Amino acid sequence: MTDRRAEPRAEVDLEVHYRTAQEFLSAYARNISGGGMYIRSQQSLPLNQAVRVRFTLPAVAHKFEIRGIVVWSNPAPSRSSFPSGMAVKFTEIDPKSQKLISDFVNKVTGTSSTPASTPPQKPPEA
């Protein structure tokens, strides 16, 4: 199976508070990217469930509150080696939060989101 993720992910152990229209819950995130996160939980939410997640990142002085939607669920118990939980895709994220998360992921993973530089052009011959 190929990895269809558009952005790099950082392995984390973050406390996440999340809210649906009916309840307020807490769990831990397993990984995060600028586009979403995987939340470990014995009680996964159903697919397409709207959710609001709140969390902080280590060494980042910003409290994140982001709207998302459950796009994948791995209920417990499962035959999968992946822990039970759910993938949440961020649907409403402000540019500052997006940049802070991407910078955090790049720092943790050692990657860079800056485009590769183009090679220098040869001057035209006379």
N, C-alpha and C. Protein backbone atom coordinates (compact mmCIF):
# COMPACT_ATOMS: atom_id res chain seq x y z
N MET A 1 0.84 -1.18 0.00
CA MET A 1 0.00 0.00 0.00
C MET A 1 0.89 1.24 0.00
N THR A 2 0.58 2.20 -0.84
CA THR A 2 1.38 3.42 -0.91
C THR A 2 0.84 4.43 0.08
N ASP A 3 1.74 5.28 0.55
CA ASP A 3 1.38 6.32 1.49
C ASP A 3 0.81 7.50 0.69
N ARG A 4 -0.45 7.84 0.90
CA ARG A 4 -1.11 8.91 0.15
C ARG A 4 -1.06 10.24 0.87
N ARG A 5 -0.32 10.33 1.94
CA ARG A 5 -0.27 11.58 2.70
C ARG A 5 0.43 12.68 1.91
N ALA A 6 -0.15 13.86 1.94
CA ALA A 6 0.41 14.99 1.21
C ALA A 6 1.52 15.68 1.98
N GLU A 7 1.57 15.48 3.29
CA GLU A 7 2.54 16.18 4.12
C GLU A 7 3.25 15.20 5.04
N PRO A 8 4.49 15.53 5.43
CA PRO A 8 5.19 14.65 6.38
C PRO A 8 4.50 14.66 7.74
N ARG A 9 4.64 13.57 8.47
CA ARG A 9 4.04 13.44 9.80
C ARG A 9 5.12 13.26 10.84
N ALA A 10 4.87 13.81 12.01
CA ALA A 10 5.78 13.64 13.15
C ALA A 10 5.12 12.72 14.16
N GLU A 11 5.89 11.75 14.64
CA GLU A 11 5.40 10.89 15.71
C GLU A 11 5.39 11.72 16.99
N VAL A 12 4.28 11.70 17.71
CA VAL A 12 4.12 12.52 18.91
C VAL A 12 3.37 11.74 19.98
N ASP A 13 3.34 12.30 21.14
CA ASP A 13 2.52 11.78 22.23
C ASP A 13 1.91 13.01 22.89
N LEU A 14 0.88 13.55 22.24
CA LEU A 14 0.26 14.81 22.67
C LEU A 14 -1.10 14.56 23.27
N GLU A 15 -1.37 15.22 24.38
CA GLU A 15 -2.73 15.17 24.92
C GLU A 15 -3.61 16.05 24.03
N VAL A 16 -4.73 15.49 23.63
CA VAL A 16 -5.67 16.18 22.75
C VAL A 16 -7.04 16.17 23.41
N HIS A 17 -7.67 17.33 23.42
CA HIS A 17 -9.06 17.42 23.87
C HIS A 17 -9.88 17.63 22.62
N TYR A 18 -10.92 16.85 22.47
CA TYR A 18 -11.74 17.00 21.28
C TYR A 18 -13.21 16.99 21.65
N ARG A 19 -13.94 17.70 20.80
CA ARG A 19 -15.35 17.93 21.09
C ARG A 19 -16.19 17.65 19.86
N THR A 20 -17.30 17.00 20.09
CA THR A 20 -18.31 16.81 19.05
C THR A 20 -19.52 17.63 19.48
N ALA A 21 -20.59 17.56 18.73
CA ALA A 21 -21.81 18.27 19.12
C ALA A 21 -22.39 17.70 20.40
N GLN A 22 -22.07 16.43 20.71
CA GLN A 22 -22.66 15.77 21.87
C GLN A 22 -21.76 15.68 23.10
N GLU A 23 -20.42 15.62 22.91
CA GLU A 23 -19.56 15.36 24.06
C GLU A 23 -18.18 15.99 23.94
N PHE A 24 -17.49 16.01 25.08
CA PHE A 24 -16.13 16.54 25.17
C PHE A 24 -15.26 15.40 25.68
N LEU A 25 -14.19 15.05 24.94
CA LEU A 25 -13.36 13.89 25.26
C LEU A 25 -11.88 14.27 25.28
N SER A 26 -11.07 13.40 25.88
CA SER A 26 -9.62 13.58 25.88
C SER A 26 -8.96 12.28 25.47
N ALA A 27 -7.83 12.40 24.78
CA ALA A 27 -7.07 11.23 24.34
C ALA A 27 -5.65 11.72 24.02
N TYR A 28 -4.88 10.86 23.36
CA TYR A 28 -3.52 11.23 22.97
C TYR A 28 -3.35 11.04 21.47
N ALA A 29 -2.67 12.00 20.84
CA ALA A 29 -2.38 11.90 19.42
C ALA A 29 -1.12 11.07 19.23
N ARG A 30 -1.12 10.24 18.19
CA ARG A 30 0.04 9.41 17.86
C ARG A 30 0.94 10.12 16.85
N ASN A 31 0.34 10.83 15.90
CA ASN A 31 1.13 11.59 14.94
C ASN A 31 0.34 12.81 14.48
N ILE A 32 1.09 13.75 13.86
CA ILE A 32 0.47 15.00 13.43
C ILE A 32 1.17 15.49 12.17
N SER A 33 0.41 16.18 11.33
CA SER A 33 0.95 16.88 10.17
C SER A 33 0.18 18.18 10.04
N GLY A 34 0.54 18.99 9.07
CA GLY A 34 -0.20 20.22 8.84
C GLY A 34 -1.61 19.96 8.35
N GLY A 35 -1.90 18.72 7.95
CA GLY A 35 -3.22 18.41 7.42
C GLY A 35 -4.11 17.62 8.35
N GLY A 36 -3.55 17.10 9.46
CA GLY A 36 -4.38 16.32 10.36
C GLY A 36 -3.59 15.59 11.42
N MET A 37 -4.27 14.68 12.15
CA MET A 37 -3.61 13.93 13.21
C MET A 37 -4.31 12.60 13.41
N TYR A 38 -3.58 11.66 14.02
CA TYR A 38 -4.16 10.38 14.40
C TYR A 38 -4.31 10.38 15.91
N ILE A 39 -5.54 10.18 16.38
CA ILE A 39 -5.84 10.20 17.81
C ILE A 39 -6.09 8.77 18.28
N ARG A 40 -5.30 8.33 19.25
CA ARG A 40 -5.50 7.00 19.84
C ARG A 40 -6.69 7.07 20.77
N SER A 41 -7.64 6.16 20.57
CA SER A 41 -8.82 6.16 21.40
C SER A 41 -9.50 4.81 21.33
N GLN A 42 -9.98 4.32 22.46
CA GLN A 42 -10.75 3.08 22.48
C GLN A 42 -12.16 3.32 21.95
N GLN A 43 -12.59 4.58 21.91
CA GLN A 43 -13.92 4.93 21.43
C GLN A 43 -13.79 5.85 20.22
N SER A 44 -13.57 5.25 19.06
CA SER A 44 -13.45 6.05 17.84
C SER A 44 -14.78 6.65 17.46
N LEU A 45 -14.72 7.82 16.89
CA LEU A 45 -15.92 8.47 16.38
C LEU A 45 -16.23 7.92 15.00
N PRO A 46 -17.47 8.03 14.56
CA PRO A 46 -17.83 7.53 13.22
C PRO A 46 -17.20 8.37 12.12
N LEU A 47 -17.06 7.76 10.94
CA LEU A 47 -16.55 8.48 9.78
C LEU A 47 -17.42 9.70 9.49
N ASN A 48 -16.78 10.75 9.02
CA ASN A 48 -17.42 12.02 8.66
C ASN A 48 -17.97 12.79 9.85
N GLN A 49 -17.63 12.37 11.06
CA GLN A 49 -18.05 13.11 12.26
C GLN A 49 -17.23 14.40 12.37
N ALA A 50 -17.91 15.51 12.47
CA ALA A 50 -17.22 16.79 12.68
C ALA A 50 -16.69 16.82 14.10
N VAL A 51 -15.50 17.38 14.27
CA VAL A 51 -14.87 17.42 15.57
C VAL A 51 -14.02 18.69 15.68
N ARG A 52 -13.86 19.17 16.89
CA ARG A 52 -12.97 20.30 17.15
C ARG A 52 -11.88 19.80 18.10
N VAL A 53 -10.62 19.93 17.70
CA VAL A 53 -9.51 19.44 18.53
C VAL A 53 -8.77 20.62 19.14
N ARG A 54 -8.34 20.42 20.39
CA ARG A 54 -7.55 21.42 21.11
C ARG A 54 -6.30 20.74 21.65
N PHE A 55 -5.15 21.38 21.45
CA PHE A 55 -3.89 20.80 21.90
C PHE A 55 -2.80 21.86 21.88
N THR A 56 -1.67 21.53 22.48
CA THR A 56 -0.46 22.35 22.38
C THR A 56 0.66 21.45 21.89
N LEU A 57 1.68 22.06 21.32
CA LEU A 57 2.87 21.33 20.87
C LEU A 57 4.04 21.66 21.78
N PRO A 58 4.94 20.71 22.00
CA PRO A 58 6.11 20.98 22.83
C PRO A 58 6.93 22.15 22.28
N ALA A 59 7.33 23.04 23.15
CA ALA A 59 8.17 24.20 22.82
C ALA A 59 7.51 25.17 21.84
N VAL A 60 6.18 25.13 21.74
CA VAL A 60 5.45 26.07 20.89
C VAL A 60 4.43 26.78 21.78
N ALA A 61 4.59 28.10 21.90
CA ALA A 61 3.72 28.88 22.79
C ALA A 61 2.45 29.29 22.04
N HIS A 62 1.64 28.32 21.70
CA HIS A 62 0.39 28.58 20.99
C HIS A 62 -0.60 27.48 21.36
N LYS A 63 -1.82 27.88 21.64
CA LYS A 63 -2.88 26.89 21.91
C LYS A 63 -3.67 26.71 20.62
N PHE A 64 -3.68 25.49 20.13
CA PHE A 64 -4.35 25.19 18.87
C PHE A 64 -5.80 24.79 19.13
N GLU A 65 -6.69 25.30 18.32
CA GLU A 65 -8.08 24.87 18.32
C GLU A 65 -8.49 24.81 16.85
N ILE A 66 -8.69 23.59 16.36
CA ILE A 66 -8.85 23.37 14.93
C ILE A 66 -10.07 22.48 14.68
N ARG A 67 -10.84 22.84 13.69
CA ARG A 67 -11.98 22.01 13.28
C ARG A 67 -11.49 20.96 12.29
N GLY A 68 -12.09 19.77 12.40
CA GLY A 68 -11.73 18.71 11.50
C GLY A 68 -12.87 17.73 11.30
N ILE A 69 -12.55 16.65 10.60
CA ILE A 69 -13.53 15.61 10.32
C ILE A 69 -12.83 14.25 10.39
N VAL A 70 -13.52 13.27 10.93
CA VAL A 70 -12.95 11.92 11.02
C VAL A 70 -12.96 11.31 9.62
N VAL A 71 -11.76 10.94 9.13
CA VAL A 71 -11.65 10.39 7.78
C VAL A 71 -11.25 8.92 7.78
N TRP A 72 -10.85 8.39 8.93
CA TRP A 72 -10.47 6.98 9.03
C TRP A 72 -10.63 6.56 10.47
N SER A 73 -11.11 5.34 10.67
CA SER A 73 -11.33 4.85 12.03
C SER A 73 -10.83 3.42 12.14
N ASN A 74 -10.16 3.13 13.24
CA ASN A 74 -9.67 1.79 13.53
C ASN A 74 -10.23 1.41 14.90
N PRO A 75 -11.41 0.78 14.92
CA PRO A 75 -12.04 0.48 16.20
C PRO A 75 -11.29 -0.61 16.98
N ALA A 76 -11.53 -0.63 18.26
CA ALA A 76 -10.94 -1.67 19.11
C ALA A 76 -11.97 -2.75 19.35
N PRO A 77 -11.63 -3.99 19.43
CA PRO A 77 -10.31 -4.53 19.05
C PRO A 77 -10.24 -4.67 17.54
N SER A 78 -9.03 -4.63 17.02
CA SER A 78 -8.83 -4.70 15.59
C SER A 78 -7.69 -5.65 15.28
N ARG A 79 -7.71 -6.22 14.10
CA ARG A 79 -6.61 -7.08 13.68
C ARG A 79 -5.42 -6.26 13.20
N SER A 80 -5.62 -4.98 13.00
CA SER A 80 -4.56 -4.10 12.53
C SER A 80 -3.49 -3.95 13.59
N SER A 81 -2.25 -3.77 13.14
CA SER A 81 -1.16 -3.51 14.09
C SER A 81 -1.18 -2.05 14.54
N PHE A 82 -1.97 -1.23 13.86
CA PHE A 82 -2.10 0.17 14.22
C PHE A 82 -3.00 0.27 15.45
N PRO A 83 -2.70 1.15 16.39
CA PRO A 83 -3.54 1.26 17.59
C PRO A 83 -4.95 1.74 17.26
N SER A 84 -5.89 1.36 18.10
CA SER A 84 -7.26 1.80 17.89
C SER A 84 -7.32 3.32 17.99
N GLY A 85 -8.16 3.90 17.19
CA GLY A 85 -8.29 5.35 17.18
C GLY A 85 -8.87 5.84 15.87
N MET A 86 -8.56 7.09 15.54
CA MET A 86 -9.15 7.70 14.35
C MET A 86 -8.24 8.77 13.77
N ALA A 87 -8.32 8.92 12.46
CA ALA A 87 -7.59 9.97 11.77
C ALA A 87 -8.53 11.14 11.57
N VAL A 88 -8.06 12.32 11.96
CA VAL A 88 -8.84 13.54 11.80
C VAL A 88 -8.14 14.44 10.80
N LYS A 89 -8.86 14.81 9.76
CA LYS A 89 -8.35 15.74 8.76
C LYS A 89 -8.77 17.14 9.17
N PHE A 90 -7.80 18.06 9.21
CA PHE A 90 -8.13 19.44 9.55
C PHE A 90 -8.90 20.07 8.40
N THR A 91 -10.05 20.67 8.71
CA THR A 91 -10.88 21.30 7.69
C THR A 91 -10.90 22.81 7.81
N GLU A 92 -10.68 23.33 9.01
CA GLU A 92 -10.64 24.78 9.23
C GLU A 92 -9.44 25.07 10.13
N ILE A 93 -8.37 25.57 9.50
CA ILE A 93 -7.15 25.87 10.25
C ILE A 93 -6.62 27.22 9.77
N ASP A 94 -6.32 28.09 10.69
CA ASP A 94 -5.83 29.41 10.31
C ASP A 94 -4.37 29.30 9.84
N PRO A 95 -3.93 30.23 8.99
CA PRO A 95 -2.57 30.16 8.43
C PRO A 95 -1.46 30.11 9.49
N LYS A 96 -1.63 30.84 10.60
CA LYS A 96 -0.60 30.82 11.65
C LYS A 96 -0.48 29.42 12.24
N SER A 97 -1.60 28.80 12.57
CA SER A 97 -1.57 27.44 13.14
C SER A 97 -0.98 26.46 12.14
N GLN A 98 -1.37 26.58 10.88
CA GLN A 98 -0.84 25.70 9.83
C GLN A 98 0.68 25.79 9.77
N LYS A 99 1.21 27.01 9.79
CA LYS A 99 2.66 27.20 9.71
C LYS A 99 3.35 26.67 10.96
N LEU A 100 2.79 26.93 12.13
CA LEU A 100 3.41 26.44 13.37
C LEU A 100 3.46 24.91 13.39
N ILE A 101 2.40 24.25 12.96
CA ILE A 101 2.40 22.79 12.93
C ILE A 101 3.41 22.28 11.91
N SER A 102 3.40 22.85 10.71
CA SER A 102 4.34 22.42 9.67
C SER A 102 5.79 22.62 10.11
N ASP A 103 6.08 23.76 10.75
CA ASP A 103 7.43 24.02 11.26
C ASP A 103 7.81 23.00 12.33
N PHE A 104 6.88 22.67 13.22
CA PHE A 104 7.12 21.68 14.26
C PHE A 104 7.43 20.32 13.63
N VAL A 105 6.61 19.90 12.68
CA VAL A 105 6.81 18.60 12.01
C VAL A 105 8.17 18.58 11.31
N ASN A 106 8.49 19.65 10.60
CA ASN A 106 9.77 19.72 9.89
C ASN A 106 10.94 19.63 10.86
N LYS A 107 10.82 20.28 12.00
CA LYS A 107 11.90 20.24 13.00
C LYS A 107 12.06 18.83 13.56
N VAL A 108 10.94 18.18 13.90
CA VAL A 108 10.98 16.83 14.48
C VAL A 108 11.48 15.80 13.47
N THR A 109 11.04 15.92 12.22
CA THR A 109 11.39 14.91 11.21
C THR A 109 12.67 15.24 10.45
N GLY A 110 13.16 16.47 10.59
CA GLY A 110 14.37 16.86 9.86
C GLY A 110 14.11 17.13 8.39
N THR A 111 12.84 17.41 8.04
CA THR A 111 12.50 17.73 6.65
C THR A 111 12.29 19.22 6.52
N SER A 112 12.15 19.65 5.30
CA SER A 112 11.90 21.06 5.04
C SER A 112 10.77 21.19 4.04
N SER A 113 9.93 22.17 4.27
CA SER A 113 8.82 22.40 3.34
C SER A 113 9.16 23.45 2.31
N THR A 114 10.39 23.98 2.36
CA THR A 114 10.77 24.99 1.39
C THR A 114 11.08 24.32 0.06
N PRO A 115 10.72 24.95 -1.04
CA PRO A 115 10.96 24.33 -2.34
C PRO A 115 12.45 24.24 -2.64
N ALA A 116 12.81 23.23 -3.39
CA ALA A 116 14.20 23.06 -3.78
C ALA A 116 14.62 24.22 -4.65
N SER A 117 15.86 24.66 -4.49
CA SER A 117 16.32 25.78 -5.30
C SER A 117 16.59 25.31 -6.72
N THR A 118 16.39 26.22 -7.65
CA THR A 118 16.65 25.89 -9.03
C THR A 118 18.12 26.09 -9.33
N PRO A 119 18.69 25.27 -10.21
CA PRO A 119 20.11 25.42 -10.51
C PRO A 119 20.36 26.75 -11.21
N PRO A 120 21.56 27.31 -11.03
CA PRO A 120 21.84 28.59 -11.68
C PRO A 120 21.80 28.45 -13.20
N GLN A 121 21.33 29.48 -13.85
CA GLN A 121 21.23 29.50 -15.31
C GLN A 121 22.57 29.92 -15.90
N LYS A 122 22.94 29.33 -17.02
CA LYS A 122 24.15 29.76 -17.73
C LYS A 122 23.82 31.05 -18.47
N PRO A 123 24.77 31.99 -18.49
CA PRO A 123 24.49 33.22 -19.24
C PRO A 123 24.43 32.90 -20.74
N PRO A 124 23.63 33.67 -21.48
CA PRO A 124 23.56 33.41 -22.93
C PRO A 124 24.90 33.65 -23.59
N GLU A 125 25.20 32.81 -24.57
CA GLU A 125 26.46 32.98 -25.29
C GLU A 125 26.32 34.09 -26.32
N ALA A 126 27.39 34.89 -26.46
CA ALA A 126 27.35 36.02 -27.40
C ALA A 126 27.68 35.58 -28.79
